[in-house]
């Protein structure tokens, strides 16, 4: 991903922090960072890949973050 897209995504998450847990935002940031570095080398992503790079949180928080990142407007 280009640097601008990463900044826009993180900014959108920061704006919506009052709507969800801070830990969800931290997981979102970690996933965005992971996906944005060398995206052409990652032809396939699994939940396990994303879980490994996320901060250690409850599974529900992780799933909430992934769900948020897969929303249509994101």
PDB file of N, CA and C in Angstrom:
ATOM      1  N   UNK A   1       0.848  -1.181   0.000  1.00  0.00           N
ATOM      2  CA  UNK A   1       0.000   0.000   0.000  1.00  0.00           C
ATOM      3  C   UNK A   1       0.889   1.238   0.000  1.00  0.00           C
ATOM      4  N   UNK A   2       0.375   2.273  -0.575  1.00  0.00           N
ATOM      5  CA  UNK A   2       1.146   3.492  -0.558  1.00  0.00           C
ATOM      6  C   UNK A   2       1.058   4.141   0.816  1.00  0.00           C
ATOM      7  N   UNK A   3       2.036   4.952   1.081  1.00  0.00           N
ATOM      8  CA  UNK A   3       2.121   5.619   2.382  1.00  0.00           C
ATOM      9  C   UNK A   3       0.861   6.436   2.670  1.00  0.00           C
ATOM     10  N   UNK A   4       0.316   7.093   1.668  1.00  0.00           N
ATOM     11  CA  UNK A   4      -0.864   7.940   1.848  1.00  0.00           C
ATOM     12  C   UNK A   4      -2.083   7.112   2.285  1.00  0.00           C
ATOM     13  N   UNK A   5      -2.261   5.954   1.671  1.00  0.00           N
ATOM     14  CA  UNK A   5      -3.389   5.096   2.028  1.00  0.00           C
ATOM     15  C   UNK A   5      -3.276   4.643   3.477  1.00  0.00           C
ATOM     16  N   UNK A   6      -2.067   4.271   3.878  1.00  0.00           N
ATOM     17  CA  UNK A   6      -1.831   3.835   5.258  1.00  0.00           C
ATOM     18  C   UNK A   6      -2.182   4.963   6.223  1.00  0.00           C
ATOM     19  N   UNK A   7      -1.728   6.161   5.935  1.00  0.00           N
ATOM     20  CA  UNK A   7      -2.031   7.308   6.797  1.00  0.00           C
ATOM     21  C   UNK A   7      -3.530   7.586   6.845  1.00  0.00           C
ATOM     22  N   UNK A   8      -4.198   7.474   5.705  1.00  0.00           N
ATOM     23  CA  UNK A   8      -5.644   7.710   5.662  1.00  0.00           C
ATOM     24  C   UNK A   8      -6.397   6.672   6.497  1.00  0.00           C
ATOM     25  N   UNK A   9      -6.016   5.401   6.370  1.00  0.00           N
ATOM     26  CA  UNK A   9      -6.667   4.351   7.151  1.00  0.00           C
ATOM     27  C   UNK A   9      -6.462   4.571   8.648  1.00  0.00           C
ATOM     28  N   UNK A  10      -5.243   4.878   9.034  1.00  0.00           N
ATOM     29  CA  UNK A  10      -4.963   5.093  10.451  1.00  0.00           C
ATOM     30  C   UNK A  10      -5.697   6.318  10.974  1.00  0.00           C
ATOM     31  N   UNK A  11      -5.805   7.334  10.149  1.00  0.00           N
ATOM     32  CA  UNK A  11      -6.527   8.539  10.542  1.00  0.00           C
ATOM     33  C   UNK A  11      -8.015   8.231  10.738  1.00  0.00           C
ATOM     34  N   UNK A  12      -8.579   7.439   9.837  1.00  0.00           N
ATOM     35  CA  UNK A  12      -9.993   7.076   9.946  1.00  0.00           C
ATOM     36  C   UNK A  12     -10.247   6.282  11.229  1.00  0.00           C
ATOM     37  N   UNK A  13      -9.342   5.391  11.562  1.00  0.00           N
ATOM     38  CA  UNK A  13      -9.471   4.607  12.796  1.00  0.00           C
ATOM     39  C   UNK A  13      -9.384   5.525  14.005  1.00  0.00           C
ATOM     40  N   UNK A  14      -8.428   6.435  13.989  1.00  0.00           N
ATOM     41  CA  UNK A  14      -8.250   7.362  15.107  1.00  0.00           C
ATOM     42  C   UNK A  14      -9.504   8.215  15.320  1.00  0.00           C
ATOM     43  N   UNK A  15     -10.139   8.641  14.225  1.00  0.00           N
ATOM     44  CA  UNK A  15     -11.358   9.435  14.310  1.00  0.00           C
ATOM     45  C   UNK A  15     -12.499   8.656  14.953  1.00  0.00           C
ATOM     46  N   UNK A  16     -12.494   7.340  14.771  1.00  0.00           N
ATOM     47  CA  UNK A  16     -13.587   6.502  15.259  1.00  0.00           C
ATOM     48  C   UNK A  16     -13.275   5.811  16.574  1.00  0.00           C
ATOM     49  N   UNK A  17     -12.204   6.197  17.255  1.00  0.00           N
ATOM     50  CA  UNK A  17     -11.816   5.538  18.496  1.00  0.00           C
ATOM     51  C   UNK A  17     -12.906   5.562  19.556  1.00  0.00           C
ATOM     52  N   UNK A  18     -13.734   6.584  19.544  1.00  0.00           N
ATOM     53  CA  UNK A  18     -14.791   6.646  20.546  1.00  0.00           C
ATOM     54  C   UNK A  18     -15.866   5.591  20.307  1.00  0.00           C
ATOM     55  N   UNK A  19     -15.848   4.944  19.125  1.00  0.00           N
ATOM     56  CA  UNK A  19     -16.840   3.926  18.806  1.00  0.00           C
ATOM     57  C   UNK A  19     -16.386   2.503  19.145  1.00  0.00           C
ATOM     58  N   UNK A  20     -15.100   2.332  19.410  1.00  0.00           N
ATOM     59  CA  UNK A  20     -14.642   1.002  19.767  1.00  0.00           C
ATOM     60  C   UNK A  20     -13.421   1.051  20.668  1.00  0.00           C
ATOM     61  N   UNK A  21     -13.079  -0.084  21.211  1.00  0.00           N
ATOM     62  CA  UNK A  21     -12.006  -0.259  22.178  1.00  0.00           C
ATOM     63  C   UNK A  21     -10.643   0.156  21.604  1.00  0.00           C
ATOM     64  N   UNK A  22      -9.801   0.718  22.438  1.00  0.00           N
ATOM     65  CA  UNK A  22      -8.454   1.114  22.038  1.00  0.00           C
ATOM     66  C   UNK A  22      -7.648  -0.086  21.558  1.00  0.00           C
ATOM     67  N   UNK A  23      -7.869  -1.245  22.177  1.00  0.00           N
ATOM     68  CA  UNK A  23      -7.152  -2.448  21.745  1.00  0.00           C
ATOM     69  C   UNK A  23      -7.516  -2.829  20.314  1.00  0.00           C
ATOM     70  N   UNK A  24      -8.747  -2.594  19.922  1.00  0.00           N
ATOM     71  CA  UNK A  24      -9.166  -2.866  18.544  1.00  0.00           C
ATOM     72  C   UNK A  24      -8.350  -1.989  17.599  1.00  0.00           C
ATOM     73  N   UNK A  25      -8.192  -0.730  17.949  1.00  0.00           N
ATOM     74  CA  UNK A  25      -7.404   0.187  17.124  1.00  0.00           C
ATOM     75  C   UNK A  25      -5.955  -0.283  17.023  1.00  0.00           C
ATOM     76  N   UNK A  26      -5.379  -0.741  18.127  1.00  0.00           N
ATOM     77  CA  UNK A  26      -4.000  -1.218  18.107  1.00  0.00           C
ATOM     78  C   UNK A  26      -3.836  -2.417  17.180  1.00  0.00           C
ATOM     79  N   UNK A  27      -4.811  -3.316  17.196  1.00  0.00           N
ATOM     80  CA  UNK A  27      -4.769  -4.472  16.302  1.00  0.00           C
ATOM     81  C   UNK A  27      -4.902  -4.003  14.851  1.00  0.00           C
ATOM     82  N   UNK A  28      -5.806  -3.073  14.606  1.00  0.00           N
ATOM     83  CA  UNK A  28      -5.969  -2.525  13.250  1.00  0.00           C
ATOM     84  C   UNK A  28      -4.664  -1.922  12.749  1.00  0.00           C
ATOM     85  N   UNK A  29      -4.013  -1.116  13.575  1.00  0.00           N
ATOM     86  CA  UNK A  29      -2.742  -0.495  13.186  1.00  0.00           C
ATOM     87  C   UNK A  29      -1.696  -1.556  12.851  1.00  0.00           C
ATOM     88  N   UNK A  30      -1.603  -2.600  13.667  1.00  0.00           N
ATOM     89  CA  UNK A  30      -0.613  -3.653  13.445  1.00  0.00           C
ATOM     90  C   UNK A  30      -0.881  -4.385  12.128  1.00  0.00           C
ATOM     91  N   UNK A  31      -2.137  -4.666  11.861  1.00  0.00           N
ATOM     92  CA  UNK A  31      -2.494  -5.358  10.618  1.00  0.00           C
ATOM     93  C   UNK A  31      -2.210  -4.469   9.413  1.00  0.00           C
ATOM     94  N   UNK A  32      -2.581  -3.204   9.508  1.00  0.00           N
ATOM     95  CA  UNK A  32      -2.315  -2.270   8.406  1.00  0.00           C
ATOM     96  C   UNK A  32      -0.819  -2.188   8.137  1.00  0.00           C
ATOM     97  N   UNK A  33      -0.023  -2.074   9.186  1.00  0.00           N
ATOM     98  CA  UNK A  33       1.428  -2.005   9.012  1.00  0.00           C
ATOM     99  C   UNK A  33       1.959  -3.275   8.346  1.00  0.00           C
ATOM    100  N   UNK A  34       1.477  -4.418   8.786  1.00  0.00           N
ATOM    101  CA  UNK A  34       1.922  -5.697   8.228  1.00  0.00           C
ATOM    102  C   UNK A  34       1.577  -5.803   6.741  1.00  0.00           C
ATOM    103  N   UNK A  35       0.340  -5.488   6.406  1.00  0.00           N
ATOM    104  CA  UNK A  35      -0.109  -5.613   5.022  1.00  0.00           C
ATOM    105  C   UNK A  35       0.562  -4.575   4.124  1.00  0.00           C
ATOM    106  N   UNK A  36       0.876  -3.425   4.661  1.00  0.00           N
ATOM    107  CA  UNK A  36       1.423  -2.341   3.836  1.00  0.00           C
ATOM    108  C   UNK A  36       2.904  -2.528   3.493  1.00  0.00           C
ATOM    109  N   UNK A  37       3.611  -3.368   4.230  1.00  0.00           N
ATOM    110  CA  UNK A  37       5.030  -3.595   3.952  1.00  0.00           C
ATOM    111  C   UNK A  37       5.145  -4.806   3.027  1.00  0.00           C
ATOM    112  N   UNK A  38       5.618  -4.563   1.826  1.00  0.00           N
ATOM    113  CA  UNK A  38       5.783  -5.638   0.852  1.00  0.00           C
ATOM    114  C   UNK A  38       4.494  -6.330   0.460  1.00  0.00           C
ATOM    115  N   UNK A  39       3.454  -5.570   0.105  1.00  0.00           N
ATOM    116  CA  UNK A  39       2.159  -6.196  -0.183  1.00  0.00           C
ATOM    117  C   UNK A  39       2.206  -7.183  -1.348  1.00  0.00           C
ATOM    118  N   UNK A  40       3.095  -6.978  -2.302  1.00  0.00           N
ATOM    119  CA  UNK A  40       3.165  -7.898  -3.443  1.00  0.00           C
ATOM    120  C   UNK A  40       3.739  -9.253  -3.048  1.00  0.00           C
ATOM    121  N   UNK A  41       4.389  -9.318  -1.892  1.00  0.00           N
ATOM    122  CA  UNK A  41       4.941 -10.589  -1.413  1.00  0.00           C
ATOM    123  C   UNK A  41       3.918 -11.375  -0.603  1.00  0.00           C
ATOM    124  N   UNK A  42       2.761 -10.776  -0.369  1.00  0.00           N
ATOM    125  CA  UNK A  42       1.717 -11.423   0.427  1.00  0.00           C
ATOM    126  C   UNK A  42       0.506 -11.701  -0.463  1.00  0.00           C
ATOM    127  N   UNK A  43       0.593 -12.771  -1.240  1.00  0.00           N
ATOM    128  CA  UNK A  43      -0.514 -13.076  -2.158  1.00  0.00           C
ATOM    129  C   UNK A  43      -1.710 -13.680  -1.441  1.00  0.00           C
ATOM    130  N   UNK A  44      -1.490 -14.154  -0.218  1.00  0.00           N
ATOM    131  CA  UNK A  44      -2.567 -14.775   0.547  1.00  0.00           C
ATOM    132  C   UNK A  44      -2.382 -14.420   2.024  1.00  0.00           C
ATOM    133  N   UNK A  45      -3.460 -14.003   2.662  1.00  0.00           N
ATOM    134  CA  UNK A  45      -3.427 -13.703   4.090  1.00  0.00           C
ATOM    135  C   UNK A  45      -4.443 -14.579   4.793  1.00  0.00           C
ATOM    136  N   UNK A  46      -4.045 -15.133   5.911  1.00  0.00           N
ATOM    137  CA  UNK A  46      -4.976 -15.932   6.708  1.00  0.00           C
ATOM    138  C   UNK A  46      -5.197 -15.236   8.047  1.00  0.00           C
ATOM    139  N   UNK A  47      -6.202 -15.684   8.772  1.00  0.00           N
ATOM    140  CA  UNK A  47      -6.422 -15.157  10.112  1.00  0.00           C
ATOM    141  C   UNK A  47      -5.181 -15.392  10.967  1.00  0.00           C
ATOM    142  N   UNK A  48      -4.539 -16.541  10.787  1.00  0.00           N
ATOM    143  CA  UNK A  48      -3.361 -16.853  11.572  1.00  0.00           C
ATOM    144  C   UNK A  48      -2.231 -15.868  11.295  1.00  0.00           C
ATOM    145  N   UNK A  49      -2.021 -15.507  10.024  1.00  0.00           N
ATOM    146  CA  UNK A  49      -1.003 -14.507   9.683  1.00  0.00           C
ATOM    147  C   UNK A  49      -1.276 -13.195  10.402  1.00  0.00           C
ATOM    148  N   UNK A  50      -2.519 -12.757  10.338  1.00  0.00           N
ATOM    149  CA  UNK A  50      -2.892 -11.485  10.948  1.00  0.00           C
ATOM    150  C   UNK A  50      -2.835 -11.552  12.473  1.00  0.00           C
ATOM    151  N   UNK A  51      -3.229 -12.686  13.023  1.00  0.00           N
ATOM    152  CA  UNK A  51      -3.195 -12.855  14.482  1.00  0.00           C
ATOM    153  C   UNK A  51      -1.765 -12.814  15.004  1.00  0.00           C
ATOM    154  N   UNK A  52      -0.838 -13.390  14.251  1.00  0.00           N
ATOM    155  CA  UNK A  52       0.575 -13.394  14.661  1.00  0.00           C
ATOM    156  C   UNK A  52       1.160 -11.991  14.756  1.00  0.00           C
ATOM    157  N   UNK A  53       0.731 -11.099  13.880  1.00  0.00           N
ATOM    158  CA  UNK A  53       1.308  -9.747  13.877  1.00  0.00           C
ATOM    159  C   UNK A  53       0.562  -8.784  14.791  1.00  0.00           C
ATOM    160  N   UNK A  54      -0.595  -9.208  15.264  1.00  0.00           N
ATOM    161  CA  UNK A  54      -1.362  -8.307  16.127  1.00  0.00           C
ATOM    162  C   UNK A  54      -0.857  -8.384  17.564  1.00  0.00           C
ATOM    163  N   UNK A  55      -1.109  -7.327  18.325  1.00  0.00           N
ATOM    164  CA  UNK A  55      -0.787  -7.400  19.754  1.00  0.00           C
ATOM    165  C   UNK A  55      -1.578  -8.547  20.379  1.00  0.00           C
ATOM    166  N   UNK A  56      -1.058  -9.106  21.413  1.00  0.00           N
ATOM    167  CA  UNK A  56      -1.747 -10.224  22.077  1.00  0.00           C
ATOM    168  C   UNK A  56      -2.967  -9.696  22.821  1.00  0.00           C
ATOM    169  N   UNK A  57      -4.129 -10.003  22.239  1.00  0.00           N
ATOM    170  CA  UNK A  57      -5.406  -9.555  22.796  1.00  0.00           C
ATOM    171  C   UNK A  57      -6.385 -10.721  22.784  1.00  0.00           C
ATOM    172  N   UNK A  58      -7.505 -10.523  23.426  1.00  0.00           N
ATOM    173  CA  UNK A  58      -8.580 -11.497  23.407  1.00  0.00           C
ATOM    174  C   UNK A  58      -9.013 -11.746  21.956  1.00  0.00           C
ATOM    175  N   UNK A  59      -9.405 -12.974  21.649  1.00  0.00           N
ATOM    176  CA  UNK A  59      -9.808 -13.308  20.278  1.00  0.00           C
ATOM    177  C   UNK A  59     -10.942 -12.432  19.775  1.00  0.00           C
ATOM    178  N   UNK A  60     -11.887 -12.100  20.635  1.00  0.00           N
ATOM    179  CA  UNK A  60     -13.016 -11.261  20.212  1.00  0.00           C
ATOM    180  C   UNK A  60     -12.546  -9.878  19.752  1.00  0.00           C
ATOM    181  N   UNK A  61     -11.571  -9.336  20.433  1.00  0.00           N
ATOM    182  CA  UNK A  61     -11.024  -8.033  20.044  1.00  0.00           C
ATOM    183  C   UNK A  61     -10.348  -8.152  18.688  1.00  0.00           C
ATOM    184  N   UNK A  62      -9.587  -9.231  18.499  1.00  0.00           N
ATOM    185  CA  UNK A  62      -8.938  -9.471  17.212  1.00  0.00           C
ATOM    186  C   UNK A  62      -9.981  -9.566  16.097  1.00  0.00           C
ATOM    187  N   UNK A  63     -11.029 -10.362  16.320  1.00  0.00           N
ATOM    188  CA  UNK A  63     -12.076 -10.521  15.304  1.00  0.00           C
ATOM    189  C   UNK A  63     -12.789  -9.194  15.027  1.00  0.00           C
ATOM    190  N   UNK A  64     -13.021  -8.401  16.053  1.00  0.00           N
ATOM    191  CA  UNK A  64     -13.638  -7.083  15.858  1.00  0.00           C
ATOM    192  C   UNK A  64     -12.768  -6.207  14.962  1.00  0.00           C
ATOM    193  N   UNK A  65     -11.461  -6.261  15.182  1.00  0.00           N
ATOM    194  CA  UNK A  65     -10.539  -5.449  14.372  1.00  0.00           C
ATOM    195  C   UNK A  65     -10.544  -5.903  12.917  1.00  0.00           C
ATOM    196  N   UNK A  66     -10.484  -7.200  12.693  1.00  0.00           N
ATOM    197  CA  UNK A  66     -10.494  -7.719  11.322  1.00  0.00           C
ATOM    198  C   UNK A  66     -11.817  -7.379  10.646  1.00  0.00           C
ATOM    199  N   UNK A  67     -12.911  -7.539  11.372  1.00  0.00           N
ATOM    200  CA  UNK A  67     -14.219  -7.192  10.819  1.00  0.00           C
ATOM    201  C   UNK A  67     -14.262  -5.712  10.444  1.00  0.00           C
ATOM    202  N   UNK A  68     -13.751  -4.859  11.317  1.00  0.00           N
ATOM    203  CA  UNK A  68     -13.740  -3.429  11.027  1.00  0.00           C
ATOM    204  C   UNK A  68     -12.949  -3.128   9.760  1.00  0.00           C
ATOM    205  N   UNK A  69     -11.787  -3.757   9.638  1.00  0.00           N
ATOM    206  CA  UNK A  69     -10.929  -3.494   8.465  1.00  0.00           C
ATOM    207  C   UNK A  69     -11.507  -4.033   7.158  1.00  0.00           C
ATOM    208  N   UNK A  70     -12.456  -4.946   7.242  1.00  0.00           N
ATOM    209  CA  UNK A  70     -13.044  -5.498   6.015  1.00  0.00           C
ATOM    210  C   UNK A  70     -14.369  -4.844   5.660  1.00  0.00           C
ATOM    211  N   UNK A  71     -14.741  -3.815   6.388  1.00  0.00           N
ATOM    212  CA  UNK A  71     -15.986  -3.098   6.085  1.00  0.00           C
ATOM    213  C   UNK A  71     -15.869  -2.392   4.749  1.00  0.00           C
ATOM    214  N   UNK A  72     -16.994  -2.208   4.106  1.00  0.00           N
ATOM    215  CA  UNK A  72     -17.049  -1.613   2.775  1.00  0.00           C
ATOM    216  C   UNK A  72     -16.396  -0.227   2.727  1.00  0.00           C
ATOM    217  N   UNK A  73     -16.650   0.601   3.725  1.00  0.00           N
ATOM    218  CA  UNK A  73     -16.129   1.976   3.688  1.00  0.00           C
ATOM    219  C   UNK A  73     -14.638   2.057   4.038  1.00  0.00           C
ATOM    220  N   UNK A  74     -14.054   0.967   4.488  1.00  0.00           N
ATOM    221  CA  UNK A  74     -12.638   0.941   4.805  1.00  0.00           C
ATOM    222  C   UNK A  74     -11.879   0.351   3.637  1.00  0.00           C
TER     223      UNK A  74
END
